[in-house]
Amino acid sequence: MWRWIVGLVTLFFILPAGIAAQADEEILIVSPADQQVLQGVIEVQARLPLDNVQSYELLFGYSGDVEERNLFLLTQGNTLSDSQPLYRWDTTLIPDGDYRLVLWVYFRSGEKREAVVETVKVRNYSAVELPAASDPLLSPMPVTQTPTITPTSLPVTPTPPKPNPGSIQPVQWTASVVRGVGVTILFFVMLGVFVTLRRPKKRR
């Protein structure tokens, strides 16, 4: 009888403690979330225990490919901080595409556990897909009508062409002709005076 009582007491106290300890050891990639679009440098945030973890590895691979040999290592270590991100991932260093994130955690007891984000969308060099309108999880965005712009015709006033600096205007041409005629007449007058003065006088 006492054995049954001791056994029930043991199960009552030890079993919930074991369940709570197992819950404390649950690991989870908090950020980025599944189906999230990634651009530039993003912070990978994880929730995992800090006291009994021996080491960890953060890897990525193509979405839908569950083979471990096709995973690529991002970072690894054995020191964790609850105030710092697990890793800062520069997504510009990889081609655009759909990838999966895998976090492996190794405990001191020899146990290995993992957390997975099945699909993250890296879109640094390509267009981001618009969400489907039928997706019940997404609220439709209000559509704002773009006002129609009606072209307004402006009165056209002809602008007289500017005179060419290299061309000779009529006023300039007339002035040049007058000056030329005046110089010619003056020349002939002076020539006549000079000839008259140089002509020898007749002796009487």
Protein backbone atom coordinates (compact mmCIF):
# COMPACT_ATOMS: atom_id res chain seq x y z
CA MET A 1 0.00 0.00 0.00
CA TRP A 2 2.77 2.39 0.95
CA ARG A 3 4.56 1.58 -2.29
CA TRP A 4 1.53 2.75 -4.27
CA ILE A 5 1.36 5.96 -2.29
CA VAL A 6 5.09 6.64 -2.76
CA GLY A 7 4.80 5.89 -6.47
CA LEU A 8 1.86 8.24 -6.94
CA VAL A 9 3.66 11.02 -5.04
CA THR A 10 6.75 10.50 -7.18
CA LEU A 11 4.75 10.69 -10.40
CA PHE A 12 2.90 13.74 -9.14
CA PHE A 13 6.08 15.73 -8.47
CA ILE A 14 8.68 14.34 -10.87
CA LEU A 15 6.61 13.96 -14.04
CA PRO A 16 5.46 17.62 -14.23
CA ALA A 17 9.02 18.72 -13.49
CA GLY A 18 10.29 16.61 -16.39
CA ILE A 19 7.62 18.01 -18.70
CA ALA A 20 8.48 21.56 -17.66
CA ALA A 21 12.20 20.91 -18.22
CA GLN A 22 11.46 19.54 -21.67
CA ALA A 23 9.33 22.60 -22.45
CA ASP A 24 12.19 24.83 -21.33
CA GLU A 25 14.47 23.08 -23.78
CA GLU A 26 12.19 23.81 -26.74
CA ILE A 27 14.03 25.79 -29.38
CA LEU A 28 12.42 28.10 -31.91
CA ILE A 29 13.52 30.48 -34.67
CA VAL A 30 11.55 33.61 -33.82
CA SER A 31 12.71 35.75 -36.74
CA PRO A 32 12.54 35.64 -39.71
CA ALA A 33 9.08 34.13 -39.96
CA ASP A 34 7.88 31.61 -42.49
CA GLN A 35 7.11 33.14 -45.94
CA GLN A 36 8.82 36.41 -44.96
CA VAL A 37 10.52 38.47 -47.67
CA LEU A 38 14.17 39.21 -46.85
CA GLN A 39 16.25 42.07 -48.21
CA GLY A 40 19.65 43.31 -47.12
CA VAL A 41 21.01 42.36 -43.70
CA ILE A 42 18.46 40.69 -41.42
CA GLU A 43 18.77 39.51 -37.82
CA VAL A 44 18.12 35.87 -37.03
CA GLN A 45 16.48 35.63 -33.60
CA ALA A 46 16.05 32.32 -31.77
CA ARG A 47 14.56 31.17 -28.49
CA LEU A 48 16.50 28.40 -26.76
CA PRO A 49 17.83 27.60 -23.28
CA LEU A 50 21.14 29.13 -22.28
CA ASP A 51 22.25 26.92 -19.42
CA ASN A 52 22.54 23.41 -20.83
CA VAL A 53 23.42 24.11 -24.49
CA GLN A 54 26.81 22.85 -25.60
CA SER A 55 26.88 24.32 -29.12
CA TYR A 56 24.69 25.34 -32.03
CA GLU A 57 24.79 25.60 -35.84
CA LEU A 58 22.70 27.83 -38.08
CA LEU A 59 22.37 26.62 -41.68
CA PHE A 60 20.34 27.37 -44.78
CA GLY A 61 19.35 25.48 -47.91
CA TYR A 62 16.88 25.58 -50.75
CA SER A 63 13.23 25.51 -49.75
CA GLY A 64 11.76 22.03 -50.13
CA ASP A 65 15.14 20.28 -50.00
CA VAL A 66 15.30 18.39 -46.69
CA GLU A 67 18.64 16.67 -47.31
CA GLU A 68 21.15 17.62 -44.63
CA ARG A 69 24.08 17.33 -47.03
CA ASN A 70 22.60 20.19 -49.09
CA LEU A 71 22.66 22.66 -46.20
CA PHE A 72 25.16 25.52 -46.03
CA LEU A 73 26.61 26.73 -42.74
CA LEU A 74 25.94 30.34 -41.78
CA THR A 75 27.40 30.39 -38.28
CA GLN A 76 28.18 28.18 -35.30
CA GLY A 77 29.28 28.65 -31.72
CA ASN A 78 28.85 27.72 -28.10
CA THR A 79 28.20 31.12 -26.55
CA LEU A 80 24.66 32.44 -26.56
CA SER A 81 23.21 35.77 -25.48
CA ASP A 82 19.61 36.63 -24.77
CA SER A 83 20.21 40.28 -25.73
CA GLN A 84 21.99 39.78 -29.06
CA PRO A 85 20.68 38.23 -32.29
CA LEU A 86 21.86 34.77 -33.10
CA TYR A 87 23.24 35.94 -36.46
CA ARG A 88 23.16 38.90 -38.84
CA TRP A 89 22.57 37.46 -42.28
CA ASP A 90 23.63 39.49 -45.34
CA THR A 91 21.19 38.16 -47.93
CA THR A 92 22.79 40.21 -50.73
CA LEU A 93 25.59 37.64 -50.90
CA ILE A 94 23.30 34.88 -52.22
CA PRO A 95 21.07 34.72 -55.32
CA ASP A 96 17.42 35.58 -54.99
CA GLY A 97 15.23 32.58 -54.28
CA ASP A 98 13.30 30.63 -51.67
CA TYR A 99 15.35 29.15 -48.83
CA ARG A 100 14.86 27.33 -45.53
CA LEU A 101 16.62 28.08 -42.26
CA VAL A 102 17.71 25.28 -39.95
CA LEU A 103 18.99 25.65 -36.39
CA TRP A 104 20.71 22.67 -34.78
CA VAL A 105 21.25 22.76 -31.02
CA TYR A 106 23.49 20.28 -29.23
CA PHE A 107 22.90 19.72 -25.49
CA ARG A 108 25.41 18.55 -22.93
CA SER A 109 23.39 15.38 -22.51
CA GLY A 110 24.28 14.44 -26.10
CA GLU A 111 20.83 15.27 -27.47
CA LYS A 112 20.48 17.16 -30.73
CA ARG A 113 17.36 19.19 -31.49
CA GLU A 114 16.44 21.47 -34.37
CA ALA A 115 14.18 24.33 -35.35
CA VAL A 116 13.24 25.02 -38.96
CA VAL A 117 11.75 27.88 -40.95
CA GLU A 118 10.59 26.18 -44.11
CA THR A 119 10.49 29.14 -46.52
CA VAL A 120 12.02 32.60 -46.54
CA LYS A 121 11.98 34.65 -49.74
CA VAL A 122 15.22 36.48 -50.58
CA ARG A 123 14.36 39.31 -52.99
CA ASN A 124 17.26 41.73 -53.33
CA TYR A 125 17.54 41.82 -57.12
CA SER A 126 14.06 40.79 -58.29
CA ALA A 127 10.52 42.02 -57.85
CA VAL A 128 8.60 41.06 -54.73
CA GLU A 129 5.49 39.02 -55.48
CA LEU A 130 2.23 40.69 -54.55
CA PRO A 131 0.02 38.72 -52.13
CA ALA A 132 -2.92 36.92 -53.65
CA ALA A 133 -6.25 38.70 -53.24
CA SER A 134 -7.91 35.44 -52.16
CA ASP A 135 -5.56 34.97 -49.21
CA PRO A 136 -7.83 35.11 -46.12
CA LEU A 137 -4.89 36.03 -43.87
CA LEU A 138 -4.20 39.24 -45.72
CA SER A 139 -6.52 42.20 -45.50
CA PRO A 140 -7.18 43.84 -48.86
CA MET A 141 -5.53 47.20 -49.36
CA PRO A 142 -7.85 50.10 -50.21
CA VAL A 143 -7.66 51.04 -53.85
CA THR A 144 -7.17 54.76 -54.44
CA GLN A 145 -8.34 55.97 -57.81
CA THR A 146 -5.82 58.07 -59.65
CA PRO A 147 -7.37 61.32 -60.89
CA THR A 148 -7.48 61.65 -64.65
CA ILE A 149 -5.28 64.44 -65.92
CA THR A 150 -6.90 66.37 -68.79
CA PRO A 151 -4.37 68.22 -70.94
CA THR A 152 -5.07 71.95 -71.23
CA SER A 153 -4.15 73.64 -74.49
CA LEU A 154 -2.20 76.85 -73.97
CA PRO A 155 -2.46 79.80 -76.42
CA VAL A 156 0.52 79.84 -78.68
CA THR A 157 2.01 83.31 -79.19
CA PRO A 158 4.49 83.47 -82.07
CA THR A 159 7.82 84.82 -80.94
CA PRO A 160 9.69 86.92 -83.50
CA PRO A 161 13.05 85.45 -84.32
CA LYS A 162 16.07 87.15 -82.86
CA PRO A 163 18.29 88.94 -85.41
CA ASN A 164 21.38 87.11 -86.45
CA PRO A 165 24.44 88.92 -85.12
CA GLY A 166 26.40 87.94 -88.22
CA SER A 167 23.88 89.26 -90.74
CA ILE A 168 23.90 92.85 -92.15
CA GLN A 169 20.74 94.78 -91.35
CA PRO A 170 19.23 97.24 -93.91
CA VAL A 171 20.04 100.24 -91.72
CA GLN A 172 23.66 99.19 -91.46
CA TRP A 173 23.87 98.62 -95.22
CA THR A 174 22.45 102.11 -96.01
CA ALA A 175 24.85 103.77 -93.59
CA SER A 176 27.78 101.96 -95.18
CA VAL A 177 26.74 103.09 -98.68
CA VAL A 178 26.38 106.70 -97.56
CA ARG A 179 29.75 106.67 -95.88
CA GLY A 180 31.33 105.16 -99.00
CA VAL A 181 29.80 107.77 -101.30
CA GLY A 182 30.86 110.58 -98.95
CA VAL A 183 34.44 109.32 -98.77
CA THR A 184 34.57 109.04 -102.58
CA ILE A 185 33.29 112.58 -103.12
CA LEU A 186 35.72 113.94 -100.54
CA PHE A 187 38.56 112.09 -102.23
CA PHE A 188 37.76 113.59 -105.64
CA VAL A 189 37.41 117.10 -104.18
CA MET A 190 40.77 116.85 -102.48
CA LEU A 191 42.30 115.43 -105.65
CA GLY A 192 40.92 118.36 -107.69
CA VAL A 193 42.31 120.88 -105.21
CA PHE A 194 45.69 119.18 -105.25
CA VAL A 195 45.84 119.16 -109.07
CA THR A 196 44.78 122.81 -109.21
CA LEU A 197 47.48 123.84 -106.80
CA ARG A 198 50.16 121.83 -108.60
CA ARG A 199 49.30 123.24 -112.10
CA PRO A 200 51.93 125.80 -113.12
CA LYS A 201 50.72 129.31 -113.69
CA LYS A 202 50.93 130.73 -117.22
CA ARG A 203 53.35 133.54 -117.68
CA ARG A 204 51.99 136.74 -119.07
